[in-house]
PDB file of N, CA and C in Angstrom:
ATOM      1  N   ASN A   1       0.821  -1.198   0.000  1.00  0.00           N
ATOM      2  CA  ASN A   1       0.000   0.000   0.000  1.00  0.00           C
ATOM      3  C   ASN A   1       0.866   1.264   0.000  1.00  0.00           C
ATOM      4  N   GLU A   2       1.950   1.201   0.793  1.00  0.00           N
ATOM      5  CA  GLU A   2       2.834   2.378   0.848  1.00  0.00           C
ATOM      6  C   GLU A   2       3.494   2.612  -0.505  1.00  0.00           C
ATOM      7  N   LEU A   3       3.957   1.556  -1.151  1.00  0.00           N
ATOM      8  CA  LEU A   3       4.570   1.693  -2.471  1.00  0.00           C
ATOM      9  C   LEU A   3       3.567   2.277  -3.471  1.00  0.00           C
ATOM     10  N   LYS A   4       2.350   1.787  -3.430  1.00  0.00           N
ATOM     11  CA  LYS A   4       1.313   2.286  -4.328  1.00  0.00           C
ATOM     12  C   LYS A   4       1.061   3.777  -4.074  1.00  0.00           C
ATOM     13  N   ALA A   5       0.991   4.175  -2.830  1.00  0.00           N
ATOM     14  CA  ALA A   5       0.752   5.581  -2.478  1.00  0.00           C
ATOM     15  C   ALA A   5       1.900   6.458  -2.951  1.00  0.00           C
ATOM     16  N   ARG A   6       3.136   5.975  -2.785  1.00  0.00           N
ATOM     17  CA  ARG A   6       4.297   6.752  -3.236  1.00  0.00           C
ATOM     18  C   ARG A   6       4.316   6.912  -4.755  1.00  0.00           C
ATOM     19  N   VAL A   7       4.022   5.839  -5.472  1.00  0.00           N
ATOM     20  CA  VAL A   7       3.996   5.897  -6.938  1.00  0.00           C
ATOM     21  C   VAL A   7       2.902   6.857  -7.395  1.00  0.00           C
ATOM     22  N   GLU A   8       1.728   6.772  -6.789  1.00  0.00           N
ATOM     23  CA  GLU A   8       0.626   7.676  -7.155  1.00  0.00           C
ATOM     24  C   GLU A   8       1.006   9.135  -6.886  1.00  0.00           C
ATOM     25  N   ALA A   9       1.690   9.368  -5.771  1.00  0.00           N
ATOM     26  CA  ALA A   9       2.119  10.735  -5.448  1.00  0.00           C
ATOM     27  C   ALA A   9       3.135  11.236  -6.470  1.00  0.00           C
ATOM     28  N   MET A  10       4.058  10.376  -6.868  1.00  0.00           N
ATOM     29  CA  MET A  10       5.053  10.769  -7.866  1.00  0.00           C
ATOM     30  C   MET A  10       4.387  11.059  -9.213  1.00  0.00           C
ATOM     31  N   VAL A  11       3.438  10.229  -9.605  1.00  0.00           N
ATOM     32  CA  VAL A  11       2.731  10.442 -10.864  1.00  0.00           C
ATOM     33  C   VAL A  11       1.944  11.754 -10.798  1.00  0.00           C
ATOM     34  N   ARG A  12       1.284  12.010  -9.673  1.00  0.00           N
ATOM     35  CA  ARG A  12       0.513  13.235  -9.513  1.00  0.00           C
ATOM     36  C   ARG A  12       1.421  14.466  -9.598  1.00  0.00           C
ATOM     37  N   ARG A  13       2.588  14.416  -8.940  1.00  0.00           N
ATOM     38  CA  ARG A  13       3.534  15.541  -9.002  1.00  0.00           C
ATOM     39  C   ARG A  13       4.061  15.729 -10.420  1.00  0.00           C
ATOM     40  N   TYR A  14       4.346  14.621 -11.106  1.00  0.00           N
ATOM     41  CA  TYR A  14       4.830  14.695 -12.482  1.00  0.00           C
ATOM     42  C   TYR A  14       3.796  15.361 -13.379  1.00  0.00           C
ATOM     43  N   ILE A  15       2.541  14.949 -13.254  1.00  0.00           N
ATOM     44  CA  ILE A  15       1.473  15.521 -14.077  1.00  0.00           C
ATOM     45  C   ILE A  15       1.278  16.993 -13.736  1.00  0.00           C
ATOM     46  N   ASP A  16       1.238  17.334 -12.458  1.00  0.00           N
ATOM     47  CA  ASP A  16       1.074  18.727 -12.037  1.00  0.00           C
ATOM     48  C   ASP A  16       2.208  19.597 -12.558  1.00  0.00           C
ATOM     49  N   PHE A  17       3.420  19.116 -12.445  1.00  0.00           N
ATOM     50  CA  PHE A  17       4.581  19.895 -12.890  1.00  0.00           C
ATOM     51  C   PHE A  17       4.543  20.124 -14.397  1.00  0.00           C
ATOM     52  N   ASN A  18       4.252  19.092 -15.157  1.00  0.00           N
ATOM     53  CA  ASN A  18       4.239  19.217 -16.614  1.00  0.00           C
ATOM     54  C   ASN A  18       3.064  20.050 -17.121  1.00  0.00           C
ATOM     55  N   GLN A  19       1.945  20.006 -16.452  1.00  0.00           N
ATOM     56  CA  GLN A  19       0.825  20.849 -16.859  1.00  0.00           C
ATOM     57  C   GLN A  19       1.154  22.311 -16.628  1.00  0.00           C
ATOM     58  N   LYS A  20       1.820  22.631 -15.539  1.00  0.00           N
ATOM     59  CA  LYS A  20       2.177  24.012 -15.251  1.00  0.00           C
ATOM     60  C   LYS A  20       3.200  24.530 -16.245  1.00  0.00           C
ATOM     61  N   SER A  21       4.118  23.681 -16.692  1.00  0.00           N
ATOM     62  CA  SER A  21       5.138  24.155 -17.618  1.00  0.00           C
ATOM     63  C   SER A  21       4.569  24.390 -19.025  1.00  0.00           C
ATOM     64  N   THR A  22       3.480  23.683 -19.370  1.00  0.00           N
ATOM     65  CA  THR A  22       2.860  23.928 -20.665  1.00  0.00           C
ATOM     66  C   THR A  22       1.653  24.840 -20.536  1.00  0.00           C
ATOM     67  N   ASP A  23       1.395  25.266 -19.333  1.00  0.00           N
ATOM     68  CA  ASP A  23       0.297  26.187 -19.060  1.00  0.00           C
ATOM     69  C   ASP A  23       0.579  27.515 -19.723  1.00  0.00           C
ATOM     70  N   GLN A  24      -0.284  28.485 -19.520  1.00  0.00           N
ATOM     71  CA  GLN A  24      -0.081  29.794 -20.102  1.00  0.00           C
ATOM     72  C   GLN A  24       0.788  30.666 -19.205  1.00  0.00           C
ATOM     73  N   SER A  25       1.588  30.049 -18.340  1.00  0.00           N
ATOM     74  CA  SER A  25       2.444  30.831 -17.445  1.00  0.00           C
ATOM     75  C   SER A  25       3.552  31.544 -18.211  1.00  0.00           C
ATOM     76  N   ASP A  26       3.881  31.072 -19.400  1.00  0.00           N
ATOM     77  CA  ASP A  26       4.908  31.718 -20.219  1.00  0.00           C
ATOM     78  C   ASP A  26       4.303  32.746 -21.164  1.00  0.00           C
ATOM     79  N   ILE A  27       3.021  33.036 -20.989  1.00  0.00           N
ATOM     80  CA  ILE A  27       2.368  34.046 -21.815  1.00  0.00           C
ATOM     81  C   ILE A  27       1.991  35.223 -20.926  1.00  0.00           C
ATOM     82  N   LEU A  28       2.555  36.375 -21.248  1.00  0.00           N
ATOM     83  CA  LEU A  28       2.226  37.596 -20.519  1.00  0.00           C
ATOM     84  C   LEU A  28       1.161  38.342 -21.298  1.00  0.00           C
ATOM     85  N   THR A  29       0.124  38.791 -20.607  1.00  0.00           N
ATOM     86  CA  THR A  29      -0.909  39.598 -21.243  1.00  0.00           C
ATOM     87  C   THR A  29      -1.025  40.901 -20.471  1.00  0.00           C
ATOM     88  N   ILE A  30      -0.724  42.008 -21.153  1.00  0.00           N
ATOM     89  CA  ILE A  30      -0.734  43.324 -20.521  1.00  0.00           C
ATOM     90  C   ILE A  30      -1.350  44.323 -21.484  1.00  0.00           C
ATOM     91  N   ASP A  31      -2.453  44.930 -21.069  1.00  0.00           N
ATOM     92  CA  ASP A  31      -3.099  45.998 -21.846  1.00  0.00           C
ATOM     93  C   ASP A  31      -3.253  45.669 -23.330  1.00  0.00           C
ATOM     94  N   GLY A  32      -3.797  44.504 -23.647  1.00  0.00           N
ATOM     95  CA  GLY A  32      -4.026  44.140 -25.041  1.00  0.00           C
ATOM     96  C   GLY A  32      -2.830  43.533 -25.752  1.00  0.00           C
ATOM     97  N   MET A  33      -1.692  43.476 -25.078  1.00  0.00           N
ATOM     98  CA  MET A  33      -0.492  42.871 -25.666  1.00  0.00           C
ATOM     99  C   MET A  33      -0.316  41.477 -25.080  1.00  0.00           C
ATOM    100  N   GLN A  34      -0.044  40.525 -25.961  1.00  0.00           N
ATOM    101  CA  GLN A  34       0.193  39.152 -25.534  1.00  0.00           C
ATOM    102  C   GLN A  34       1.600  38.747 -25.963  1.00  0.00           C
ATOM    103  N   ILE A  35       2.425  38.389 -24.979  1.00  0.00           N
ATOM    104  CA  ILE A  35       3.808  38.008 -25.254  1.00  0.00           C
ATOM    105  C   ILE A  35       3.967  36.537 -24.881  1.00  0.00           C
ATOM    106  N   ASP A  36       4.258  35.719 -25.880  1.00  0.00           N
ATOM    107  CA  ASP A  36       4.413  34.277 -25.689  1.00  0.00           C
ATOM    108  C   ASP A  36       5.902  33.943 -25.685  1.00  0.00           C
ATOM    109  N   LYS A  37       6.427  33.646 -24.523  1.00  0.00           N
ATOM    110  CA  LYS A  37       7.867  33.391 -24.379  1.00  0.00           C
ATOM    111  C   LYS A  37       8.300  32.134 -25.129  1.00  0.00           C
ATOM    112  N   GLU A  38       7.526  31.073 -25.007  1.00  0.00           N
ATOM    113  CA  GLU A  38       7.919  29.806 -25.625  1.00  0.00           C
ATOM    114  C   GLU A  38       7.991  29.905 -27.146  1.00  0.00           C
ATOM    115  N   ASN A  39       7.000  30.540 -27.758  1.00  0.00           N
ATOM    116  CA  ASN A  39       6.961  30.667 -29.218  1.00  0.00           C
ATOM    117  C   ASN A  39       7.597  31.952 -29.725  1.00  0.00           C
ATOM    118  N   ARG A  40       8.004  32.818 -28.778  1.00  0.00           N
ATOM    119  CA  ARG A  40       8.660  34.092 -29.095  1.00  0.00           C
ATOM    120  C   ARG A  40       7.811  34.929 -30.063  1.00  0.00           C
ATOM    121  N   THR A  41       6.529  35.038 -29.709  1.00  0.00           N
ATOM    122  CA  THR A  41       5.626  35.833 -30.520  1.00  0.00           C
ATOM    123  C   THR A  41       5.004  36.944 -29.682  1.00  0.00           C
ATOM    124  N   VAL A  42       4.622  38.007 -30.372  1.00  0.00           N
ATOM    125  CA  VAL A  42       3.956  39.137 -29.726  1.00  0.00           C
ATOM    126  C   VAL A  42       2.732  39.479 -30.562  1.00  0.00           C
ATOM    127  N   LYS A  43       1.604  39.646 -29.875  1.00  0.00           N
ATOM    128  CA  LYS A  43       0.369  40.046 -30.537  1.00  0.00           C
ATOM    129  C   LYS A  43      -0.197  41.256 -29.808  1.00  0.00           C
ATOM    130  N   ILE A  44      -0.675  42.197 -30.589  1.00  0.00           N
ATOM    131  CA  ILE A  44      -1.393  43.338 -30.036  1.00  0.00           C
ATOM    132  C   ILE A  44      -2.709  43.417 -30.791  1.00  0.00           C
ATOM    133  N   SER A  45      -3.811  43.279 -30.065  1.00  0.00           N
ATOM    134  CA  SER A  45      -5.148  43.279 -30.678  1.00  0.00           C
ATOM    135  C   SER A  45      -5.218  42.291 -31.844  1.00  0.00           C
ATOM    136  N   ASP A  46      -4.736  41.082 -31.618  1.00  0.00           N
ATOM    137  CA  ASP A  46      -4.729  39.993 -32.609  1.00  0.00           C
ATOM    138  C   ASP A  46      -3.861  40.263 -33.832  1.00  0.00           C
ATOM    139  N   ASN A  47      -3.019  41.292 -33.793  1.00  0.00           N
ATOM    140  CA  ASN A  47      -2.059  41.546 -34.872  1.00  0.00           C
ATOM    141  C   ASN A  47      -0.691  41.040 -34.435  1.00  0.00           C
ATOM    142  N   ASN A  48      -0.080  40.185 -35.259  1.00  0.00           N
ATOM    143  CA  ASN A  48       1.263  39.701 -34.952  1.00  0.00           C
ATOM    144  C   ASN A  48       2.271  40.816 -35.182  1.00  0.00           C
ATOM    145  N   ILE A  49       3.190  40.965 -34.234  1.00  0.00           N
ATOM    146  CA  ILE A  49       4.232  41.974 -34.316  1.00  0.00           C
ATOM    147  C   ILE A  49       5.556  41.246 -34.543  1.00  0.00           C
ATOM    148  N   GLU A  50       6.237  41.588 -35.625  1.00  0.00           N
ATOM    149  CA  GLU A  50       7.515  40.962 -35.942  1.00  0.00           C
ATOM    150  C   GLU A  50       8.639  41.683 -35.196  1.00  0.00           C
ATOM    151  N   LEU A  51       9.365  40.928 -34.379  1.00  0.00           N
ATOM    152  CA  LEU A  51      10.485  41.483 -33.611  1.00  0.00           C
ATOM    153  C   LEU A  51      11.747  40.681 -33.872  1.00  0.00           C
ATOM    154  N   THR A  52      12.888  41.356 -33.783  1.00  0.00           N
ATOM    155  CA  THR A  52      14.163  40.647 -33.823  1.00  0.00           C
ATOM    156  C   THR A  52      14.330  39.922 -32.485  1.00  0.00           C
ATOM    157  N   ASN A  53      15.329  39.047 -32.419  1.00  0.00           N
ATOM    158  CA  ASN A  53      15.566  38.315 -31.172  1.00  0.00           C
ATOM    159  C   ASN A  53      15.838  39.253 -29.999  1.00  0.00           C
ATOM    160  N   LYS A  54      16.690  40.230 -30.194  1.00  0.00           N
ATOM    161  CA  LYS A  54      17.025  41.154 -29.100  1.00  0.00           C
ATOM    162  C   LYS A  54      15.834  42.030 -28.734  1.00  0.00           C
ATOM    163  N   GLU A  55      15.061  42.448 -29.717  1.00  0.00           N
ATOM    164  CA  GLU A  55      13.865  43.232 -29.414  1.00  0.00           C
ATOM    165  C   GLU A  55      12.901  42.414 -28.562  1.00  0.00           C
ATOM    166  N   PHE A  56      12.736  41.129 -28.926  1.00  0.00           N
ATOM    167  CA  PHE A  56      11.859  40.270 -28.140  1.00  0.00           C
ATOM    168  C   PHE A  56      12.403  40.107 -26.724  1.00  0.00           C
ATOM    169  N   ASP A  57      13.699  39.829 -26.611  1.00  0.00           N
ATOM    170  CA  ASP A  57      14.307  39.653 -25.290  1.00  0.00           C
ATOM    171  C   ASP A  57      14.136  40.900 -24.429  1.00  0.00           C
ATOM    172  N   LEU A  58      14.337  42.051 -25.033  1.00  0.00           N
ATOM    173  CA  LEU A  58      14.190  43.319 -24.325  1.00  0.00           C
ATOM    174  C   LEU A  58      12.741  43.514 -23.872  1.00  0.00           C
ATOM    175  N   LEU A  59      11.796  43.289 -24.771  1.00  0.00           N
ATOM    176  CA  LEU A  59      10.390  43.439 -24.440  1.00  0.00           C
ATOM    177  C   LEU A  59       9.981  42.468 -23.339  1.00  0.00           C
ATOM    178  N   TYR A  60      10.374  41.215 -23.462  1.00  0.00           N
ATOM    179  CA  TYR A  60       9.992  40.222 -22.459  1.00  0.00           C
ATOM    180  C   TYR A  60      10.597  40.554 -21.103  1.00  0.00           C
ATOM    181  N   PHE A  61      11.845  40.991 -21.098  1.00  0.00           N
ATOM    182  CA  PHE A  61      12.497  41.360 -19.836  1.00  0.00           C
ATOM    183  C   PHE A  61      11.736  42.484 -19.147  1.00  0.00           C
ATOM    184  N   LEU A  62      11.438  43.543 -19.875  1.00  0.00           N
ATOM    185  CA  LEU A  62      10.737  44.681 -19.270  1.00  0.00           C
ATOM    186  C   LEU A  62       9.310  44.298 -18.863  1.00  0.00           C
ATOM    187  N   ALA A  63       8.598  43.584 -19.742  1.00  0.00           N
ATOM    188  CA  ALA A  63       7.207  43.230 -19.459  1.00  0.00           C
ATOM    189  C   ALA A  63       7.085  42.256 -18.290  1.00  0.00           C
ATOM    190  N   SER A  64       8.041  41.359 -18.154  1.00  0.00           N
ATOM    191  CA  SER A  64       7.969  40.403 -17.044  1.00  0.00           C
ATOM    192  C   SER A  64       8.319  41.064 -15.710  1.00  0.00           C
ATOM    193  N   ASN A  65       8.814  42.280 -15.769  1.00  0.00           N
ATOM    194  CA  ASN A  65       9.111  43.061 -14.565  1.00  0.00           C
ATOM    195  C   ASN A  65       8.318  44.364 -14.582  1.00  0.00           C
ATOM    196  N   LYS A  66       7.069  44.288 -15.046  1.00  0.00           N
ATOM    197  CA  LYS A  66       6.276  45.503 -15.264  1.00  0.00           C
ATOM    198  C   LYS A  66       6.228  46.374 -14.010  1.00  0.00           C
ATOM    199  N   GLY A  67       6.361  47.668 -14.259  1.00  0.00           N
ATOM    200  CA  GLY A  67       6.334  48.639 -13.177  1.00  0.00           C
ATOM    201  C   GLY A  67       7.677  48.896 -12.528  1.00  0.00           C
ATOM    202  N   ARG A  68       8.607  47.992 -12.708  1.00  0.00           N
ATOM    203  CA  ARG A  68       9.935  48.139 -12.097  1.00  0.00           C
ATOM    204  C   ARG A  68      10.824  48.970 -13.017  1.00  0.00           C
ATOM    205  N   ILE A  69      11.545  49.923 -12.430  1.00  0.00           N
ATOM    206  CA  ILE A  69      12.424  50.799 -13.202  1.00  0.00           C
ATOM    207  C   ILE A  69      13.800  50.159 -13.314  1.00  0.00           C
ATOM    208  N   PHE A  70      14.348  50.173 -14.540  1.00  0.00           N
ATOM    209  CA  PHE A  70      15.685  49.632 -14.791  1.00  0.00           C
ATOM    210  C   PHE A  70      16.566  50.703 -15.410  1.00  0.00           C
ATOM    211  N   THR A  71      17.807  50.743 -14.962  1.00  0.00           N
ATOM    212  CA  THR A  71      18.786  51.624 -15.591  1.00  0.00           C
ATOM    213  C   THR A  71      19.220  50.980 -16.900  1.00  0.00           C
ATOM    214  N   LYS A  72      19.884  51.750 -17.738  1.00  0.00           N
ATOM    215  CA  LYS A  72      20.383  51.201 -19.006  1.00  0.00           C
ATOM    216  C   LYS A  72      21.389  50.091 -18.744  1.00  0.00           C
ATOM    217  N   LYS A  73      22.187  50.258 -17.706  1.00  0.00           N
ATOM    218  CA  LYS A  73      23.173  49.236 -17.348  1.00  0.00           C
ATOM    219  C   LYS A  73      22.473  47.933 -16.954  1.00  0.00           C
ATOM    220  N   GLN A  74      21.426  48.026 -16.146  1.00  0.00           N
ATOM    221  CA  GLN A  74      20.691  46.830 -15.736  1.00  0.00           C
ATOM    222  C   GLN A  74      20.038  46.149 -16.935  1.00  0.00           C
ATOM    223  N   ILE A  75      19.488  46.940 -17.824  1.00  0.00           N
ATOM    224  CA  ILE A  75      18.868  46.375 -19.026  1.00  0.00           C
ATOM    225  C   ILE A  75      19.918  45.648 -19.851  1.00  0.00           C
ATOM    226  N   TYR A  76      21.040  46.297 -20.062  1.00  0.00           N
ATOM    227  CA  TYR A  76      22.096  45.710 -20.894  1.00  0.00           C
ATOM    228  C   TYR A  76      22.595  44.392 -20.298  1.00  0.00           C
ATOM    229  N   THR A  77      22.895  44.388 -19.016  1.00  0.00           N
ATOM    230  CA  THR A  77      23.456  43.174 -18.407  1.00  0.00           C
ATOM    231  C   THR A  77      22.444  42.037 -18.354  1.00  0.00           C
ATOM    232  N   ASN A  78      21.155  42.360 -18.259  1.00  0.00           N
ATOM    233  CA  ASN A  78      20.134  41.311 -18.216  1.00  0.00           C
ATOM    234  C   ASN A  78      19.720  40.814 -19.589  1.00  0.00           C
ATOM    235  N   VAL A  79      19.639  41.698 -20.562  1.00  0.00           N
ATOM    236  CA  VAL A  79      19.175  41.295 -21.896  1.00  0.00           C
ATOM    237  C   VAL A  79      20.329  40.783 -22.751  1.00  0.00           C
ATOM    238  N   TRP A  80      21.438  41.500 -22.761  1.00  0.00           N
ATOM    239  CA  TRP A  80      22.587  41.091 -23.577  1.00  0.00           C
ATOM    240  C   TRP A  80      23.452  40.072 -22.849  1.00  0.00           C
ATOM    241  N   GLU A  81      23.289  39.984 -21.538  1.00  0.00           N
ATOM    242  CA  GLU A  81      24.042  39.049 -20.696  1.00  0.00           C
ATOM    243  C   GLU A  81      25.547  39.210 -20.877  1.00  0.00           C
ATOM    244  N   GLU A  82      25.962  40.450 -20.951  1.00  0.00           N
ATOM    245  CA  GLU A  82      27.384  40.788 -21.073  1.00  0.00           C
ATOM    246  C   GLU A  82      27.676  41.942 -20.121  1.00  0.00           C
ATOM    247  N   ASP A  83      28.954  42.216 -19.933  1.00  0.00           N
ATOM    248  CA  ASP A  83      29.326  43.383 -19.150  1.00  0.00           C
ATOM    249  C   ASP A  83      28.892  44.635 -19.886  1.00  0.00           C
ATOM    250  N   TYR A  84      28.465  45.614 -19.122  1.00  0.00           N
ATOM    251  CA  TYR A  84      27.985  46.869 -19.688  1.00  0.00           C
ATOM    252  C   TYR A  84      29.126  47.605 -20.372  1.00  0.00           C
ATOM    253  N   LEU A  85      28.901  48.049 -21.601  1.00  0.00           N
ATOM    254  CA  LEU A  85      29.951  48.689 -22.389  1.00  0.00           C
ATOM    255  C   LEU A  85      29.779  50.205 -22.467  1.00  0.00           C
ATOM    256  N   PHE A  86      28.926  50.766 -21.601  1.00  0.00           N
ATOM    257  CA  PHE A  86      28.665  52.207 -21.573  1.00  0.00           C
ATOM    258  C   PHE A  86      28.217  52.718 -22.941  1.00  0.00           C
ATOM    259  N   ASP A  87      27.398  51.926 -23.595  1.00  0.00           N
ATOM    260  CA  ASP A  87      26.889  52.288 -24.912  1.00  0.00           C
ATOM    261  C   ASP A  87      25.392  52.562 -24.793  1.00  0.00           C
ATOM    262  N   ASP A  88      25.061  53.725 -24.233  1.00  0.00           N
ATOM    263  CA  ASP A  88      23.659  54.078 -24.037  1.00  0.00           C
ATOM    264  C   ASP A  88      22.910  54.199 -25.356  1.00  0.00           C
ATOM    265  N   SER A  89      23.590  54.623 -26.395  1.00  0.00           N
ATOM    266  CA  SER A  89      22.909  54.825 -27.679  1.00  0.00           C
ATOM    267  C   SER A  89      22.381  53.504 -28.242  1.00  0.00           C
ATOM    268  N   ASN A  90      23.052  52.407 -27.978  1.00  0.00           N
ATOM    269  CA  ASN A  90      22.601  51.096 -28.438  1.00  0.00           C
ATOM    270  C   ASN A  90      21.264  50.741 -27.790  1.00  0.00           C
ATOM    271  N   ILE A  91      21.167  50.915 -26.490  1.00  0.00           N
ATOM    272  CA  ILE A  91      19.932  50.604 -25.778  1.00  0.00           C
ATOM    273  C   ILE A  91      18.821  51.548 -26.220  1.00  0.00           C
ATOM    274  N   MET A  92      19.142  52.825 -26.327  1.00  0.00           N
ATOM    275  CA  MET A  92      18.145  53.807 -26.749  1.00  0.00           C
ATOM    276  C   MET A  92      17.639  53.488 -28.153  1.00  0.00           C
ATOM    277  N   SER A  93      18.516  53.011 -29.019  1.00  0.00           N
ATOM    278  CA  SER A  93      18.132  52.634 -30.375  1.00  0.00           C
ATOM    279  C   SER A  93      17.162  51.453 -30.361  1.00  0.00           C
ATOM    280  N   PHE A  94      17.454  50.439 -29.547  1.00  0.00           N
ATOM    281  CA  PHE A  94      16.570  49.280 -29.454  1.00  0.00           C
ATOM    282  C   PHE A  94      15.213  49.669 -28.882  1.00  0.00           C
ATOM    283  N   ILE A  95      15.203  50.524 -27.871  1.00  0.00           N
ATOM    284  CA  ILE A  95      13.947  50.982 -27.279  1.00  0.00           C
ATOM    285  C   ILE A  95      13.133  51.736 -28.333  1.00  0.00           C
ATOM    286  N   SER A  96      13.802  52.603 -29.088  1.00  0.00           N
ATOM    287  CA  SER A  96      13.121  53.379 -30.119  1.00  0.00           C
ATOM    288  C   SER A  96      12.511  52.472 -31.187  1.00  0.00           C
ATOM    289  N   LYS A  97      13.279  51.500 -31.679  1.00  0.00           N
ATOM    290  CA  LYS A  97      12.773  50.566 -32.694  1.00  0.00           C
ATOM    291  C   LYS A  97      11.610  49.747 -32.154  1.00  0.00           C
ATOM    292  N   LEU A  98      11.740  49.318 -30.914  1.00  0.00           N
ATOM    293  CA  LEU A  98      10.690  48.529 -30.284  1.00  0.00           C
ATOM    294  C   LEU A  98       9.415  49.347 -30.129  1.00  0.00           C
ATOM    295  N   ARG A  99       9.551  50.583 -29.707  1.00  0.00           N
ATOM    296  CA  ARG A  99       8.382  51.457 -29.570  1.00  0.00           C
ATOM    297  C   ARG A  99       7.673  51.659 -30.906  1.00  0.00           C
ATOM    298  N   LYS A 100       8.435  51.810 -31.970  1.00  0.00           N
ATOM    299  CA  LYS A 100       7.827  51.995 -33.295  1.00  0.00           C
ATOM    300  C   LYS A 100       6.994  50.787 -33.703  1.00  0.00           C
ATOM    301  N   LYS A 101       7.374  49.613 -33.210  1.00  0.00           N
ATOM    302  CA  LYS A 101       6.658  48.397 -33.581  1.00  0.00           C
ATOM    303  C   LYS A 101       5.459  48.104 -32.682  1.00  0.00           C
ATOM    304  N   ILE A 102       5.533  48.489 -31.405  1.00  0.00           N
ATOM    305  CA  ILE A 102       4.472  48.069 -30.478  1.00  0.00           C
ATOM    306  C   ILE A 102       3.560  49.192 -29.992  1.00  0.00           C
ATOM    307  N   GLU A 103       4.027  50.417 -30.039  1.00  0.00           N
ATOM    308  CA  GLU A 103       3.251  51.526 -29.490  1.00  0.00           C
ATOM    309  C   GLU A 103       2.252  52.067 -30.513  1.00  0.00           C
ATOM    310  N   PRO A 104       1.037  52.398 -30.077  1.00  0.00           N
ATOM    311  CA  PRO A 104       0.088  53.051 -30.988  1.00  0.00           C
ATOM    312  C   PRO A 104       0.638  54.398 -31.475  1.00  0.00           C
ATOM    313  N   ASN A 105       1.286  55.129 -30.581  1.00  0.00           N
ATOM    314  CA  ASN A 105       1.935  56.388 -30.922  1.00  0.00           C
ATOM    315  C   ASN A 105       3.309  56.403 -30.252  1.00  0.00           C
ATOM    316  N   PRO A 106       4.371  56.097 -31.003  1.00  0.00           N
ATOM    317  CA  PRO A 106       5.708  56.017 -30.401  1.00  0.00           C
ATOM    318  C   PRO A 106       6.167  57.312 -29.723  1.00  0.00           C
ATOM    319  N   GLU A 107       5.587  58.453 -30.127  1.00  0.00           N
ATOM    320  CA  GLU A 107       5.959  59.729 -29.513  1.00  0.00           C
ATOM    321  C   GLU A 107       5.369  59.874 -28.108  1.00  0.00           C
ATOM    322  N   GLU A 108       4.287  59.143 -27.845  1.00  0.00           N
ATOM    323  CA  GLU A 108       3.657  59.135 -26.524  1.00  0.00           C
ATOM    324  C   GLU A 108       3.458  57.683 -26.099  1.00  0.00           C
ATOM    325  N   PRO A 109       4.535  57.013 -25.696  1.00  0.00           N
ATOM    326  CA  PRO A 109       4.466  55.577 -25.409  1.00  0.00           C
ATOM    327  C   PRO A 109       3.546  55.235 -24.230  1.00  0.00           C
ATOM    328  N   THR A 110       2.896  54.093 -24.359  1.00  0.00           N
ATOM    329  CA  THR A 110       2.038  53.600 -23.284  1.00  0.00           C
ATOM    330  C   THR A 110       2.573  52.312 -22.668  1.00  0.00           C
ATOM    331  N   TYR A 111       3.435  51.603 -23.392  1.00  0.00           N
ATOM    332  CA  TYR A 111       3.992  50.350 -22.877  1.00  0.00           C
ATOM    333  C   TYR A 111       5.365  50.579 -22.230  1.00  0.00           C
ATOM    334  N   ILE A 112       6.326  51.011 -23.014  1.00  0.00           N
ATOM    335  CA  ILE A 112       7.679  51.224 -22.503  1.00  0.00           C
ATOM    336  C   ILE A 112       7.836  52.708 -22.181  1.00  0.00           C
ATOM    337  N   LEU A 113       7.963  52.987 -20.906  1.00  0.00           N
ATOM    338  CA  LEU A 113       7.994  54.366 -20.438  1.00  0.00           C
ATOM    339  C   LEU A 113       9.400  54.776 -20.021  1.00  0.00           C
ATOM    340  N   THR A 114       9.745  56.015 -20.314  1.00  0.00           N
ATOM    341  CA  THR A 114      11.036  56.572 -19.908  1.00  0.00           C
ATOM    342  C   THR A 114      10.888  57.198 -18.529  1.00  0.00           C
ATOM    343  N   VAL A 115      11.816  56.885 -17.656  1.00  0.00           N
ATOM    344  CA  VAL A 115      11.880  57.534 -16.349  1.00  0.00           C
ATOM    345  C   VAL A 115      13.103  58.434 -16.416  1.00  0.00           C
ATOM    346  N   ARG A 116      12.867  59.715 -16.587  1.00  0.00           N
ATOM    347  CA  ARG A 116      13.949  60.680 -16.830  1.00  0.00           C
ATOM    348  C   ARG A 116      15.038  60.592 -15.766  1.00  0.00           C
ATOM    349  N   GLY A 117      16.272  60.540 -16.254  1.00  0.00           N
ATOM    350  CA  GLY A 117      17.425  60.506 -15.367  1.00  0.00           C
ATOM    351  C   GLY A 117      17.697  59.161 -14.732  1.00  0.00           C
ATOM    352  N   VAL A 118      16.812  58.159 -14.998  1.00  0.00           N
ATOM    353  CA  VAL A 118      16.996  56.844 -14.374  1.00  0.00           C
ATOM    354  C   VAL A 118      17.098  55.752 -15.431  1.00  0.00           C
ATOM    355  N   GLY A 119      16.047  55.586 -16.224  1.00  0.00           N
ATOM    356  CA  GLY A 119      16.047  54.511 -17.214  1.00  0.00           C
ATOM    357  C   GLY A 119      14.676  54.294 -17.801  1.00  0.00           C
ATOM    358  N   TYR A 120      14.240  53.038 -17.809  1.00  0.00           N
ATOM    359  CA  TYR A 120      12.979  52.665 -18.433  1.00  0.00           C
ATOM    360  C   TYR A 120      12.208  51.712 -17.543  1.00  0.00           C
ATOM    361  N   ARG A 121      10.897  51.690 -17.782  1.00  0.00           N
ATOM    362  CA  ARG A 121      10.043  50.700 -17.112  1.00  0.00           C
ATOM    363  C   ARG A 121       8.893  50.351 -18.036  1.00  0.00           C
ATOM    364  N   PHE A 122       8.349  49.180 -17.835  1.00  0.00           N
ATOM    365  CA  PHE A 122       7.175  48.764 -18.592  1.00  0.00           C
ATOM    366  C   PHE A 122       5.949  49.190 -17.801  1.00  0.00           C
ATOM    367  N   SER A 123       4.932  49.655 -18.508  1.00  0.00           N
ATOM    368  CA  SER A 123       3.706  50.123 -17.869  1.00  0.00           C
ATOM    369  C   SER A 123       3.162  49.070 -16.903  1.00  0.00           C
ATOM    370  N   LYS A 124       2.645  49.534 -15.803  1.00  0.00           N
ATOM    371  CA  LYS A 124       2.052  48.611 -14.813  1.00  0.00           C
ATOM    372  C   LYS A 124       0.800  47.950 -15.337  1.00  0.00           C
ATOM    373  N   GLY A 125       0.189  48.546 -16.353  1.00  0.00           N
ATOM    374  CA  GLY A 125      -1.024  47.977 -16.927  1.00  0.00           C
ATOM    375  C   GLY A 125      -2.224  48.241 -16.060  1.00  0.00           C
ATOM    376  N   VAL A 126      -3.314  47.650 -16.480  1.00  0.00           N
ATOM    377  CA  VAL A 126      -4.573  47.859 -15.766  1.00  0.00           C
ATOM    378  C   VAL A 126      -4.811  46.727 -14.811  1.00  0.00           C
TER     379      VAL A 126
END
């Protein structure tokens, strides 16, 4: 009986663990934007948004930490996974390109927000 109970518990944990990993836990939904980490896709109002790998990584990093402010150095070390090279223009360029693809009006962003003198944050959403 004990062996049977242990096997059943192991099977139950295995099923629970695998269901959670294929669950929608890797899909972020924020203000009409859906970011699917596993398939590396982004949809806004059912429109697919084509992003480069780094643009996707940058978007997913910021969106998965929505509301949290990151400096350019923190963004670089987390997204590029390299030592910071003091190249602010590179990060600003990626943010600008990303905004052009995802924002309704890139001049007045609603998703990726600039925190003057500090860095960037993803909107907290509704």
